[in-house]
Amino acid sequence: MRLRHLAFSLFVLSGLARADVDLTDDQGKPVHLAQPARRIVSLAPHVTELLYAAGAGDRLVGAVQYSDYPEAAKKVARVGSYTAVDMEKVVALKPDLVVAWKSGNRDAHLDKLRGLGIPVFINEPRKIDDVARSLSQFGRLAGTEATAEAAAKAFRERYAALAARYSARPKVRTFYEIWNRPLMTINGEHLIADVMRLCGGENVFAKLPVLAPAIDVEAVLAAQPEAIVASGMGEARPEWLDDWRKWNKLTAVARGNLFFIPPDQIQRHTPRILDGAERLCSQLEEARERR
């Protein structure tokens, strides 16, 4: 009887290991896996980070340039950049799943992968809670649900605590500067705009139709933001943030509200975005105190 019970248990467990996975991706396309993915290629740095957070880092066999967090991600084989994927390298890695980024990857590359019979899952977080949802999705795709759900729960709890503290605070008109040449910002549909709302910030360019539009200095002057927030390229505060000081009639300049957040903390769609949110919320509190 014991041997029969053991054999039955092993049969059940092996069946679970081979269980089909059916999910709809962020582009509305169904993705089917005969079993949880064991060889995953990530086509965006934020996807790589999310996969590690969901407990699927050991399934990663390929990732794009700038997939540098956590430290282990730096050792994963490179398959080009998210805008210039090396298709030969991707195919050579024999992935059973490719996780892509709708806003960053080229449709032609993804269509080619699908044509080769490789499942492609599109990820496109637009709201803060989409980070938690992505963690859950990646956990299902890789069969690491326990780790992924724990990470999603912790993320949502931290998010809720920040919302309770800051979301009802008096509004601060805010301009987020992605880059200076060309001068670029974000509209109200961008994930960063959702971080602004969490902190009681009001995006002065929320109504623009493009997700990350190019604008001109005159538009910023006309918008009269109370705070200007920039990220630049790395951990150092960009020198061009101080270029705004020449416009001393801008409210943000007159009150000293020129703020910096490292891009990895606010421009990546990962759990670390709450680090950036905490920083932004604190900065907007400073702006309120300077009124």
Protein backbone atom coordinates (compact mmCIF):
# COMPACT_ATOMS: atom_id res chain seq x y z
CA MET A 1 0.00 0.00 0.00
CA ARG A 2 2.79 2.42 0.87
CA LEU A 3 4.53 1.79 -2.45
CA ARG A 4 1.26 2.26 -4.31
CA HIS A 5 0.60 5.53 -2.44
CA LEU A 6 4.13 6.75 -3.18
CA ALA A 7 3.78 5.89 -6.84
CA PHE A 8 0.46 7.74 -7.01
CA SER A 9 1.96 10.80 -5.27
CA LEU A 10 4.87 10.89 -7.72
CA PHE A 11 2.43 10.62 -10.61
CA VAL A 12 0.41 13.57 -9.29
CA LEU A 13 3.51 15.68 -8.72
CA SER A 14 4.87 14.93 -12.18
CA GLY A 15 1.52 15.88 -13.64
CA LEU A 16 1.62 19.19 -11.78
CA ALA A 17 5.12 19.85 -13.11
CA ARG A 18 3.80 19.33 -16.65
CA ALA A 19 0.60 21.35 -16.08
CA ASP A 20 -0.40 23.60 -18.94
CA VAL A 21 -0.13 27.36 -18.46
CA ASP A 22 -2.64 29.61 -20.20
CA LEU A 23 -2.47 33.38 -19.77
CA THR A 24 -3.52 36.46 -21.69
CA ASP A 25 -0.69 38.96 -22.07
CA ASP A 26 -0.85 42.75 -21.82
CA GLN A 27 -1.57 43.03 -25.54
CA GLY A 28 -4.64 40.84 -25.16
CA LYS A 29 -3.03 37.83 -26.85
CA PRO A 30 -3.41 34.32 -25.39
CA VAL A 31 -0.15 32.55 -24.50
CA HIS A 32 -0.06 28.79 -24.01
CA LEU A 33 2.76 26.77 -22.46
CA ALA A 34 2.66 22.99 -22.23
CA GLN A 35 4.44 23.34 -18.88
CA PRO A 36 5.99 26.19 -16.84
CA ALA A 37 8.87 27.80 -18.72
CA ARG A 38 12.38 26.57 -17.98
CA ARG A 39 14.33 28.58 -20.55
CA ILE A 40 13.27 32.24 -20.62
CA VAL A 41 14.67 35.13 -22.65
CA SER A 42 13.89 38.66 -21.43
CA LEU A 43 13.76 41.50 -23.95
CA ALA A 44 13.67 44.41 -21.48
CA PRO A 45 15.70 45.31 -18.37
CA HIS A 46 12.56 45.75 -16.26
CA VAL A 47 11.31 42.32 -17.35
CA THR A 48 14.60 40.78 -16.22
CA GLU A 49 14.29 42.41 -12.81
CA LEU A 50 10.65 41.33 -12.46
CA LEU A 51 11.51 37.73 -13.33
CA TYR A 52 14.11 37.64 -10.56
CA ALA A 53 11.67 39.19 -8.10
CA ALA A 54 9.11 36.54 -9.07
CA GLY A 55 11.58 33.77 -8.25
CA ALA A 56 12.30 32.90 -11.90
CA GLY A 57 15.86 34.20 -12.18
CA ASP A 58 17.31 30.72 -12.53
CA ARG A 59 15.09 30.20 -15.60
CA LEU A 60 16.69 33.13 -17.45
CA VAL A 61 19.01 32.06 -20.27
CA GLY A 62 19.13 35.40 -22.13
CA ALA A 63 18.53 39.10 -21.50
CA VAL A 64 19.09 42.43 -23.22
CA GLN A 65 21.63 45.16 -22.51
CA TYR A 66 21.22 47.06 -19.21
CA SER A 67 19.66 44.05 -17.48
CA ASP A 68 21.81 44.81 -14.46
CA TYR A 69 19.62 44.16 -11.42
CA PRO A 70 19.92 42.13 -9.30
CA GLU A 71 23.67 41.44 -9.48
CA ALA A 72 23.09 37.93 -10.83
CA ALA A 73 21.39 39.39 -13.91
CA LYS A 74 24.71 40.77 -15.14
CA LYS A 75 25.91 37.20 -15.78
CA VAL A 76 23.03 36.25 -18.08
CA ALA A 77 23.90 35.92 -21.79
CA ARG A 78 23.15 39.08 -23.81
CA VAL A 79 20.89 39.11 -26.86
CA GLY A 80 21.35 42.72 -27.99
CA SER A 81 19.32 45.68 -26.75
CA TYR A 82 15.57 46.00 -26.38
CA THR A 83 15.42 48.07 -29.58
CA ALA A 84 17.94 45.94 -31.50
CA VAL A 85 17.41 42.31 -30.53
CA ASP A 86 19.92 39.81 -31.93
CA MET A 87 17.45 37.27 -33.25
CA GLU A 88 20.09 34.62 -34.00
CA LYS A 89 21.28 34.67 -30.40
CA VAL A 90 17.72 34.42 -29.08
CA VAL A 91 16.94 31.41 -31.26
CA ALA A 92 20.27 29.75 -30.42
CA LEU A 93 19.34 29.80 -26.72
CA LYS A 94 16.31 27.57 -27.48
CA PRO A 95 13.89 29.44 -25.20
CA ASP A 96 10.52 27.97 -24.34
CA LEU A 97 9.31 31.51 -23.55
CA VAL A 98 10.27 35.05 -24.55
CA VAL A 99 8.97 37.91 -22.39
CA ALA A 100 8.85 41.19 -24.31
CA TRP A 101 7.97 44.85 -23.74
CA LYS A 102 5.24 46.38 -25.90
CA SER A 103 6.60 49.94 -25.78
CA GLY A 104 10.23 48.97 -26.35
CA ASN A 105 10.50 45.95 -28.64
CA ARG A 106 9.87 45.90 -32.37
CA ASP A 107 6.77 44.08 -33.60
CA ALA A 108 8.76 42.58 -36.49
CA HIS A 109 11.10 40.82 -34.04
CA LEU A 110 8.24 39.45 -31.97
CA ASP A 111 6.30 38.29 -35.03
CA LYS A 112 9.38 36.43 -36.25
CA LEU A 113 9.77 34.66 -32.90
CA ARG A 114 6.12 33.62 -32.97
CA GLY A 115 6.58 32.41 -36.53
CA LEU A 116 9.34 30.12 -35.26
CA GLY A 117 6.93 28.64 -32.74
CA ILE A 118 8.43 30.39 -29.70
CA PRO A 119 5.78 31.62 -27.21
CA VAL A 120 5.98 35.39 -26.66
CA PHE A 121 4.40 37.08 -23.64
CA ILE A 122 4.00 40.87 -23.87
CA ASN A 123 4.41 42.92 -20.69
CA GLU A 124 3.27 46.57 -20.49
CA PRO A 125 2.79 48.01 -16.97
CA ARG A 126 1.01 51.37 -16.99
CA LYS A 127 -0.14 51.60 -13.36
CA ILE A 128 1.72 50.96 -10.12
CA ASP A 129 -0.42 47.92 -9.32
CA ASP A 130 0.53 46.48 -12.72
CA VAL A 131 3.93 45.72 -11.19
CA ALA A 132 2.27 43.37 -8.70
CA ARG A 133 0.13 41.89 -11.47
CA SER A 134 3.25 41.28 -13.57
CA LEU A 135 4.91 39.47 -10.67
CA SER A 136 1.91 37.14 -10.40
CA GLN A 137 1.88 36.53 -14.16
CA PHE A 138 5.59 35.73 -14.28
CA GLY A 139 5.20 33.39 -11.33
CA ARG A 140 2.56 31.44 -13.22
CA LEU A 141 4.60 31.36 -16.41
CA ALA A 142 7.67 30.02 -14.61
CA GLY A 143 5.93 27.86 -12.01
CA THR A 144 7.22 29.99 -9.12
CA GLU A 145 3.84 31.12 -7.84
CA ALA A 146 4.67 31.01 -4.13
CA THR A 147 7.62 33.40 -4.42
CA ALA A 148 5.84 35.63 -6.93
CA GLU A 149 2.65 35.95 -4.88
CA ALA A 150 4.62 36.77 -1.73
CA ALA A 151 6.48 39.51 -3.63
CA ALA A 152 3.22 40.86 -5.09
CA LYS A 153 1.60 40.94 -1.65
CA ALA A 154 4.54 42.80 -0.09
CA PHE A 155 4.51 45.28 -2.97
CA ARG A 156 0.79 45.99 -2.61
CA GLU A 157 1.08 46.47 1.15
CA ARG A 158 3.89 48.99 0.74
CA TYR A 159 1.97 50.75 -2.03
CA ALA A 160 -1.15 50.98 0.15
CA ALA A 161 0.85 52.49 3.02
CA LEU A 162 2.27 55.19 0.74
CA ALA A 163 -1.16 55.94 -0.73
CA ALA A 164 -2.68 56.29 2.73
CA ARG A 165 0.00 58.79 3.70
CA TYR A 166 0.35 60.92 0.57
CA SER A 167 -2.38 60.55 -2.06
CA ALA A 168 -4.79 63.01 -0.42
CA ARG A 169 -2.16 65.67 0.21
CA PRO A 170 -2.61 69.09 -1.48
CA LYS A 171 -1.75 68.90 -5.19
CA VAL A 172 1.67 69.99 -6.44
CA ARG A 173 1.89 70.89 -10.13
CA THR A 174 4.83 68.83 -11.34
CA PHE A 175 6.91 68.58 -14.51
CA TYR A 176 8.85 65.35 -14.98
CA GLU A 177 11.83 65.76 -17.30
CA ILE A 178 12.99 62.52 -18.90
CA TRP A 179 15.75 64.19 -20.91
CA ASN A 180 16.90 67.65 -21.92
CA ARG A 181 17.92 67.31 -25.59
CA PRO A 182 15.38 66.72 -26.90
CA LEU A 183 13.30 67.98 -24.02
CA MET A 184 10.98 65.10 -23.13
CA THR A 185 8.32 64.41 -20.53
CA ILE A 186 5.48 61.94 -19.83
CA ASN A 187 1.71 62.15 -20.25
CA GLY A 188 -1.00 61.02 -17.86
CA GLU A 189 -1.00 57.42 -19.09
CA HIS A 190 2.63 56.77 -18.16
CA LEU A 191 3.53 54.71 -15.10
CA ILE A 192 5.50 57.67 -13.71
CA ALA A 193 2.33 59.76 -13.86
CA ASP A 194 0.70 57.18 -11.61
CA VAL A 195 3.60 57.61 -9.16
CA MET A 196 2.93 61.36 -9.24
CA ARG A 197 -0.74 60.78 -8.39
CA LEU A 198 0.27 58.51 -5.52
CA CYS A 199 2.31 61.38 -4.06
CA GLY A 200 -0.32 64.05 -4.63
CA GLY A 201 1.45 65.42 -7.67
CA GLU A 202 -0.36 66.85 -10.68
CA ASN A 203 1.35 66.17 -14.00
CA VAL A 204 1.28 69.46 -15.94
CA PHE A 205 1.51 67.57 -19.26
CA ALA A 206 -1.00 64.83 -18.44
CA LYS A 207 -3.28 65.65 -21.37
CA LEU A 208 -0.71 65.25 -24.14
CA PRO A 209 -1.62 62.36 -26.47
CA VAL A 210 1.84 60.73 -26.67
CA LEU A 211 3.15 58.56 -23.83
CA ALA A 212 6.61 60.20 -23.78
CA PRO A 213 6.29 63.40 -25.84
CA ALA A 214 8.93 65.90 -26.91
CA ILE A 215 8.07 69.45 -25.81
CA ASP A 216 9.74 72.86 -25.80
CA VAL A 217 10.89 75.23 -23.07
CA GLU A 218 8.02 77.60 -23.84
CA ALA A 219 5.51 74.87 -22.96
CA VAL A 220 7.16 74.39 -19.56
CA LEU A 221 7.20 78.13 -18.90
CA ALA A 222 3.52 78.35 -19.79
CA ALA A 223 2.66 75.38 -17.55
CA GLN A 224 4.33 77.04 -14.51
CA PRO A 225 5.15 73.85 -12.57
CA GLU A 226 5.68 74.15 -8.84
CA ALA A 227 8.22 71.32 -8.95
CA ILE A 228 10.55 69.97 -11.63
CA VAL A 229 11.75 66.38 -11.28
CA ALA A 230 14.46 64.82 -13.47
CA SER A 231 16.26 61.49 -13.61
CA GLY A 232 18.97 61.56 -16.27
CA MET A 233 21.05 58.47 -17.03
CA GLY A 234 22.59 57.26 -13.78
CA GLU A 235 22.97 57.69 -10.06
CA ALA A 236 24.31 61.23 -10.36
CA ARG A 237 22.08 64.30 -10.53
CA PRO A 238 22.14 65.56 -14.15
CA GLU A 239 23.87 68.92 -14.59
CA TRP A 240 21.21 70.04 -17.05
CA LEU A 241 18.58 70.08 -14.29
CA ASP A 242 20.14 73.34 -13.14
CA ASP A 243 19.68 74.89 -16.58
CA TRP A 244 16.19 75.83 -15.39
CA ARG A 245 17.69 78.32 -12.93
CA LYS A 246 17.95 80.90 -15.72
CA TRP A 247 14.14 81.04 -15.72
CA ASN A 248 13.87 82.57 -12.26
CA LYS A 249 10.19 83.43 -12.68
CA LEU A 250 9.29 79.75 -12.78
CA THR A 251 7.65 78.80 -9.47
CA ALA A 252 9.76 75.64 -9.25
CA VAL A 253 12.95 77.69 -9.64
CA ALA A 254 11.92 80.54 -7.35
CA ARG A 255 11.19 78.08 -4.54
CA GLY A 256 14.16 75.79 -5.11
CA ASN A 257 12.05 72.82 -6.15
CA LEU A 258 14.43 71.18 -8.64
CA PHE A 259 14.53 67.52 -7.67
CA PHE A 260 16.39 64.40 -8.81
CA ILE A 261 15.46 60.71 -8.66
CA PRO A 262 17.81 57.98 -9.97
CA PRO A 263 16.19 56.54 -13.12
CA ASP A 264 16.34 52.92 -11.95
CA GLN A 265 14.04 53.87 -9.08
CA ILE A 266 11.30 55.46 -11.16
CA GLN A 267 11.74 54.60 -14.83
CA ARG A 268 11.77 50.82 -14.41
CA HIS A 269 8.49 48.98 -14.02
CA THR A 270 9.69 46.92 -11.04
CA PRO A 271 9.25 46.74 -7.24
CA ARG A 272 11.98 49.40 -6.93
CA ILE A 273 9.55 51.95 -8.32
CA LEU A 274 8.24 52.30 -4.77
CA ASP A 275 11.74 53.44 -3.74
CA GLY A 276 11.36 56.19 -6.31
CA ALA A 277 7.82 56.88 -5.12
CA GLU A 278 9.00 57.34 -1.54
CA ARG A 279 11.63 59.77 -2.75
CA LEU A 280 9.18 61.71 -4.93
CA CYS A 281 6.58 61.87 -2.15
CA SER A 282 9.20 63.31 0.19
CA GLN A 283 10.27 65.87 -2.42
CA LEU A 284 6.71 67.03 -3.03
CA GLU A 285 6.29 67.41 0.72
CA GLU A 286 9.28 69.76 0.64
CA ALA A 287 7.56 71.72 -2.12
CA ARG A 288 4.42 72.07 0.00
CA GLU A 289 6.46 73.29 2.97
CA ARG A 290 8.05 76.00 0.80
CA ARG A 291 4.72 77.61 -0.13
